[in-house]
Each structure stands twice: as structure tokens, then as C-alpha cells.
Amino acid sequence: MINGGDDDFIETLVYLAKNEKLLERLSRNALDYVKNKISWRLISKEHLKVYERAIEKV
């Protein structure tokens, strides 16, 4: 499942469960990343730019 194997994955889960502040920070960072880098709004804007460039070449 994870590159390091199941034992590494379990160890990481236990570590995060015991370190609530780190878990909260990682969760916030992940949410910010999704909102700012891979949201559907941003993806659609990038697609529109590509389509506009294609239309310019027609």
C-alpha cells in the first residue's frame, strides 16, 4: 500500500495519532494544497487557457 510497506504505514498512523498538533498541521496543509493547487475551479481555468490558445491558432 505505502512505499515502505504496511509496517511503516502503521507506524506512521500511530505516530500521528499520538501527535495531534502535527496531525492538525498536516491536515490544514493538505486542505490548503487542494484548495489552492488542484481545485476544480483552478483546473477548469487552466483548461480554458488551453482552449483559448488552441482557438487562437485556428
PDB file of N, CA and C in Angstrom:
ATOM      1  N   MET A   1       0.821  -1.200   0.000  1.00  0.00           N
ATOM      2  CA  MET A   1       0.000   0.000   0.000  1.00  0.00           C
ATOM      3  C   MET A   1       0.867   1.266   0.000  1.00  0.00           C
ATOM      4  N   ILE A   2       1.764   1.370   0.926  1.00  0.00           N
ATOM      5  CA  ILE A   2       2.666   2.513   1.009  1.00  0.00           C
ATOM      6  C   ILE A   2       4.063   2.028   0.642  1.00  0.00           C
ATOM      7  N   ASN A   3       4.868   2.921   0.079  1.00  0.00           N
ATOM      8  CA  ASN A   3       6.184   2.560  -0.418  1.00  0.00           C
ATOM      9  C   ASN A   3       7.014   1.782   0.604  1.00  0.00           C
ATOM     10  N   GLY A   4       6.969   2.166   1.872  1.00  0.00           N
ATOM     11  CA  GLY A   4       7.769   1.497   2.894  1.00  0.00           C
ATOM     12  C   GLY A   4       7.156   0.213   3.402  1.00  0.00           C
ATOM     13  N   GLY A   5       5.950  -0.105   2.993  1.00  0.00           N
ATOM     14  CA  GLY A   5       5.292  -1.329   3.436  1.00  0.00           C
ATOM     15  C   GLY A   5       4.254  -1.053   4.509  1.00  0.00           C
ATOM     16  N   ASP A   6       3.520  -2.096   4.830  1.00  0.00           N
ATOM     17  CA  ASP A   6       2.435  -1.967   5.802  1.00  0.00           C
ATOM     18  C   ASP A   6       2.929  -1.558   7.184  1.00  0.00           C
ATOM     19  N   ASP A   7       4.054  -2.106   7.610  1.00  0.00           N
ATOM     20  CA  ASP A   7       4.561  -1.779   8.950  1.00  0.00           C
ATOM     21  C   ASP A   7       4.906  -0.299   9.074  1.00  0.00           C
ATOM     22  N   ASP A   8       5.515   0.267   8.040  1.00  0.00           N
ATOM     23  CA  ASP A   8       5.829   1.700   8.061  1.00  0.00           C
ATOM     24  C   ASP A   8       4.550   2.533   8.088  1.00  0.00           C
ATOM     25  N   PHE A   9       3.563   2.098   7.336  1.00  0.00           N
ATOM     26  CA  PHE A   9       2.289   2.807   7.304  1.00  0.00           C
ATOM     27  C   PHE A   9       1.633   2.791   8.682  1.00  0.00           C
ATOM     28  N   ILE A  10       1.613   1.629   9.312  1.00  0.00           N
ATOM     29  CA  ILE A  10       1.029   1.509  10.648  1.00  0.00           C
ATOM     30  C   ILE A  10       1.795   2.363  11.643  1.00  0.00           C
ATOM     31  N   GLU A  11       3.107   2.343  11.573  1.00  0.00           N
ATOM     32  CA  GLU A  11       3.941   3.149  12.469  1.00  0.00           C
ATOM     33  C   GLU A  11       3.628   4.641  12.307  1.00  0.00           C
ATOM     34  N   THR A  12       3.452   5.072  11.071  1.00  0.00           N
ATOM     35  CA  THR A  12       3.127   6.474  10.808  1.00  0.00           C
ATOM     36  C   THR A  12       1.751   6.835  11.355  1.00  0.00           C
ATOM     37  N   LEU A  13       0.776   5.947  11.173  1.00  0.00           N
ATOM     38  CA  LEU A  13      -0.563   6.202  11.719  1.00  0.00           C
ATOM     39  C   LEU A  13      -0.531   6.334  13.235  1.00  0.00           C
ATOM     40  N   VAL A  14       0.192   5.460  13.900  1.00  0.00           N
ATOM     41  CA  VAL A  14       0.300   5.517  15.356  1.00  0.00           C
ATOM     42  C   VAL A  14       0.995   6.806  15.783  1.00  0.00           C
ATOM     43  N   TYR A  15       2.062   7.168  15.075  1.00  0.00           N
ATOM     44  CA  TYR A  15       2.793   8.401  15.383  1.00  0.00           C
ATOM     45  C   TYR A  15       1.873   9.615  15.269  1.00  0.00           C
ATOM     46  N   LEU A  16       1.091   9.674  14.187  1.00  0.00           N
ATOM     47  CA  LEU A  16       0.178  10.800  14.007  1.00  0.00           C
ATOM     48  C   LEU A  16      -0.926  10.797  15.059  1.00  0.00           C
ATOM     49  N   ALA A  17      -1.412   9.629  15.423  1.00  0.00           N
ATOM     50  CA  ALA A  17      -2.448   9.539  16.448  1.00  0.00           C
ATOM     51  C   ALA A  17      -1.943  10.063  17.788  1.00  0.00           C
ATOM     52  N   LYS A  18      -0.662   9.913  18.044  1.00  0.00           N
ATOM     53  CA  LYS A  18      -0.071  10.370  19.310  1.00  0.00           C
ATOM     54  C   LYS A  18       0.398  11.823  19.246  1.00  0.00           C
ATOM     55  N   ASN A  19       0.431  12.410  18.049  1.00  0.00           N
ATOM     56  CA  ASN A  19       0.913  13.789  17.869  1.00  0.00           C
ATOM     57  C   ASN A  19      -0.180  14.614  17.202  1.00  0.00           C
ATOM     58  N   GLU A  20      -1.162  14.995  17.994  1.00  0.00           N
ATOM     59  CA  GLU A  20      -2.342  15.673  17.461  1.00  0.00           C
ATOM     60  C   GLU A  20      -2.015  16.995  16.781  1.00  0.00           C
ATOM     61  N   LYS A  21      -1.076  17.752  17.334  1.00  0.00           N
ATOM     62  CA  LYS A  21      -0.724  19.034  16.712  1.00  0.00           C
ATOM     63  C   LYS A  21      -0.142  18.835  15.313  1.00  0.00           C
ATOM     64  N   LEU A  22       0.710  17.841  15.167  1.00  0.00           N
ATOM     65  CA  LEU A  22       1.281  17.552  13.848  1.00  0.00           C
ATOM     66  C   LEU A  22       0.187  17.103  12.885  1.00  0.00           C
ATOM     67  N   LEU A  23      -0.705  16.251  13.355  1.00  0.00           N
ATOM     68  CA  LEU A  23      -1.806  15.779  12.524  1.00  0.00           C
ATOM     69  C   LEU A  23      -2.676  16.946  12.058  1.00  0.00           C
ATOM     70  N   GLU A  24      -2.977  17.869  12.957  1.00  0.00           N
ATOM     71  CA  GLU A  24      -3.780  19.038  12.590  1.00  0.00           C
ATOM     72  C   GLU A  24      -3.058  19.895  11.562  1.00  0.00           C
ATOM     73  N   ARG A  25      -1.765  20.094  11.758  1.00  0.00           N
ATOM     74  CA  ARG A  25      -0.994  20.913  10.814  1.00  0.00           C
ATOM     75  C   ARG A  25      -0.946  20.255   9.431  1.00  0.00           C
ATOM     76  N   LEU A  26      -0.691  18.958   9.396  1.00  0.00           N
ATOM     77  CA  LEU A  26      -0.663  18.248   8.114  1.00  0.00           C
ATOM     78  C   LEU A  26      -2.023  18.297   7.431  1.00  0.00           C
ATOM     79  N   SER A  27      -3.080  18.176   8.208  1.00  0.00           N
ATOM     80  CA  SER A  27      -4.437  18.227   7.654  1.00  0.00           C
ATOM     81  C   SER A  27      -4.729  19.596   7.052  1.00  0.00           C
ATOM     82  N   ARG A  28      -4.355  20.651   7.767  1.00  0.00           N
ATOM     83  CA  ARG A  28      -4.564  22.018   7.249  1.00  0.00           C
ATOM     84  C   ARG A  28      -3.762  22.239   5.979  1.00  0.00           C
ATOM     85  N   ASN A  29      -2.506  21.788   5.986  1.00  0.00           N
ATOM     86  CA  ASN A  29      -1.661  21.953   4.805  1.00  0.00           C
ATOM     87  C   ASN A  29      -2.232  21.202   3.610  1.00  0.00           C
ATOM     88  N   ALA A  30      -2.736  20.002   3.843  1.00  0.00           N
ATOM     89  CA  ALA A  30      -3.321  19.215   2.755  1.00  0.00           C
ATOM     90  C   ALA A  30      -4.556  19.906   2.198  1.00  0.00           C
ATOM     91  N   LEU A  31      -5.402  20.424   3.074  1.00  0.00           N
ATOM     92  CA  LEU A  31      -6.602  21.120   2.626  1.00  0.00           C
ATOM     93  C   LEU A  31      -6.245  22.381   1.849  1.00  0.00           C
ATOM     94  N   ASP A  32      -5.282  23.144   2.348  1.00  0.00           N
ATOM     95  CA  ASP A  32      -4.833  24.347   1.632  1.00  0.00           C
ATOM     96  C   ASP A  32      -4.278  23.985   0.263  1.00  0.00           C
ATOM     97  N   TYR A  33      -3.514  22.922   0.186  1.00  0.00           N
ATOM     98  CA  TYR A  33      -2.946  22.492  -1.089  1.00  0.00           C
ATOM     99  C   TYR A  33      -4.054  22.157  -2.086  1.00  0.00           C
ATOM    100  N   VAL A  34      -5.028  21.400  -1.633  1.00  0.00           N
ATOM    101  CA  VAL A  34      -6.123  21.007  -2.525  1.00  0.00           C
ATOM    102  C   VAL A  34      -6.897  22.232  -2.990  1.00  0.00           C
ATOM    103  N   LYS A  35      -7.196  23.139  -2.077  1.00  0.00           N
ATOM    104  CA  LYS A  35      -7.959  24.338  -2.435  1.00  0.00           C
ATOM    105  C   LYS A  35      -7.195  25.234  -3.399  1.00  0.00           C
ATOM    106  N   ASN A  36      -5.874  25.333  -3.203  1.00  0.00           N
ATOM    107  CA  ASN A  36      -5.082  26.292  -3.972  1.00  0.00           C
ATOM    108  C   ASN A  36      -4.368  25.720  -5.191  1.00  0.00           C
ATOM    109  N   LYS A  37      -4.259  24.420  -5.289  1.00  0.00           N
ATOM    110  CA  LYS A  37      -3.493  23.831  -6.379  1.00  0.00           C
ATOM    111  C   LYS A  37      -4.290  22.890  -7.271  1.00  0.00           C
ATOM    112  N   ILE A  38      -5.269  22.196  -6.713  1.00  0.00           N
ATOM    113  CA  ILE A  38      -5.940  21.187  -7.520  1.00  0.00           C
ATOM    114  C   ILE A  38      -7.462  21.235  -7.404  1.00  0.00           C
ATOM    115  N   SER A  39      -7.994  22.399  -7.070  1.00  0.00           N
ATOM    116  CA  SER A  39      -9.454  22.513  -7.013  1.00  0.00           C
ATOM    117  C   SER A  39     -10.025  22.494  -8.433  1.00  0.00           C
ATOM    118  N   TRP A  40     -11.277  22.103  -8.566  1.00  0.00           N
ATOM    119  CA  TRP A  40     -11.913  22.066  -9.893  1.00  0.00           C
ATOM    120  C   TRP A  40     -11.955  23.451 -10.518  1.00  0.00           C
ATOM    121  N   ARG A  41     -12.093  24.478  -9.702  1.00  0.00           N
ATOM    122  CA  ARG A  41     -12.103  25.844 -10.225  1.00  0.00           C
ATOM    123  C   ARG A  41     -10.781  26.156 -10.911  1.00  0.00           C
ATOM    124  N   LEU A  42      -9.680  25.821 -10.271  1.00  0.00           N
ATOM    125  CA  LEU A  42      -8.369  26.081 -10.866  1.00  0.00           C
ATOM    126  C   LEU A  42      -8.114  25.208 -12.093  1.00  0.00           C
ATOM    127  N   ILE A  43      -8.507  23.964 -12.014  1.00  0.00           N
ATOM    128  CA  ILE A  43      -8.325  23.057 -13.151  1.00  0.00           C
ATOM    129  C   ILE A  43      -9.123  23.558 -14.351  1.00  0.00           C
ATOM    130  N   SER A  44     -10.348  24.001 -14.112  1.00  0.00           N
ATOM    131  CA  SER A  44     -11.165  24.491 -15.231  1.00  0.00           C
ATOM    132  C   SER A  44     -10.558  25.754 -15.842  1.00  0.00           C
ATOM    133  N   LYS A  45      -9.988  26.623 -15.014  1.00  0.00           N
ATOM    134  CA  LYS A  45      -9.332  27.821 -15.547  1.00  0.00           C
ATOM    135  C   LYS A  45      -8.154  27.450 -16.441  1.00  0.00           C
ATOM    136  N   GLU A  46      -7.378  26.471 -16.025  1.00  0.00           N
ATOM    137  CA  GLU A  46      -6.242  26.035 -16.833  1.00  0.00           C
ATOM    138  C   GLU A  46      -6.715  25.429 -18.155  1.00  0.00           C
ATOM    139  N   HIS A  47      -7.782  24.651 -18.108  1.00  0.00           N
ATOM    140  CA  HIS A  47      -8.317  24.081 -19.347  1.00  0.00           C
ATOM    141  C   HIS A  47      -8.813  25.177 -20.288  1.00  0.00           C
ATOM    142  N   LEU A  48      -9.466  26.183 -19.742  1.00  0.00           N
ATOM    143  CA  LEU A  48      -9.933  27.289 -20.579  1.00  0.00           C
ATOM    144  C   LEU A  48      -8.768  27.997 -21.263  1.00  0.00           C
ATOM    145  N   LYS A  49      -7.670  28.181 -20.550  1.00  0.00           N
ATOM    146  CA  LYS A  49      -6.491  28.807 -21.150  1.00  0.00           C
ATOM    147  C   LYS A  49      -5.987  27.989 -22.337  1.00  0.00           C
ATOM    148  N   VAL A  50      -5.966  26.680 -22.185  1.00  0.00           N
ATOM    149  CA  VAL A  50      -5.505  25.811 -23.273  1.00  0.00           C
ATOM    150  C   VAL A  50      -6.442  25.928 -24.468  1.00  0.00           C
ATOM    151  N   TYR A  51      -7.759  25.897 -24.211  1.00  0.00           N
ATOM    152  CA  TYR A  51      -8.726  26.019 -25.304  1.00  0.00           C
ATOM    153  C   TYR A  51      -8.608  27.369 -26.009  1.00  0.00           C
ATOM    154  N   GLU A  52      -8.387  28.428 -25.235  1.00  0.00           N
ATOM    155  CA  GLU A  52      -8.233  29.758 -25.831  1.00  0.00           C
ATOM    156  C   GLU A  52      -6.995  29.811 -26.721  1.00  0.00           C
ATOM    157  N   ARG A  53      -5.900  29.183 -26.267  1.00  0.00           N
ATOM    158  CA  ARG A  53      -4.689  29.144 -27.091  1.00  0.00           C
ATOM    159  C   ARG A  53      -4.929  28.351 -28.365  1.00  0.00           C
ATOM    160  N   ALA A  54      -5.694  27.276 -28.254  1.00  0.00           N
ATOM    161  CA  ALA A  54      -5.996  26.464 -29.440  1.00  0.00           C
ATOM    162  C   ALA A  54      -6.833  27.261 -30.435  1.00  0.00           C
ATOM    163  N   ILE A  55      -7.803  28.017 -29.936  1.00  0.00           N
ATOM    164  CA  ILE A  55      -8.669  28.812 -30.806  1.00  0.00           C
ATOM    165  C   ILE A  55      -7.869  29.880 -31.532  1.00  0.00           C
ATOM    166  N   GLU A  56      -6.892  30.470 -30.850  1.00  0.00           N
ATOM    167  CA  GLU A  56      -6.059  31.495 -31.464  1.00  0.00           C
ATOM    168  C   GLU A  56      -5.301  30.946 -32.678  1.00  0.00           C
ATOM    169  N   LYS A  57      -5.011  29.674 -32.675  1.00  0.00           N
ATOM    170  CA  LYS A  57      -4.214  29.068 -33.747  1.00  0.00           C
ATOM    171  C   LYS A  57      -5.067  28.627 -34.924  1.00  0.00           C
ATOM    172  N   VAL A  58      -6.388  28.702 -34.777  1.00  0.00           N
ATOM    173  CA  VAL A  58      -7.284  28.270 -35.863  1.00  0.00           C
ATOM    174  C   VAL A  58      -7.425  29.379 -36.874  1.00  0.00           C
TER     175      VAL A  58
END
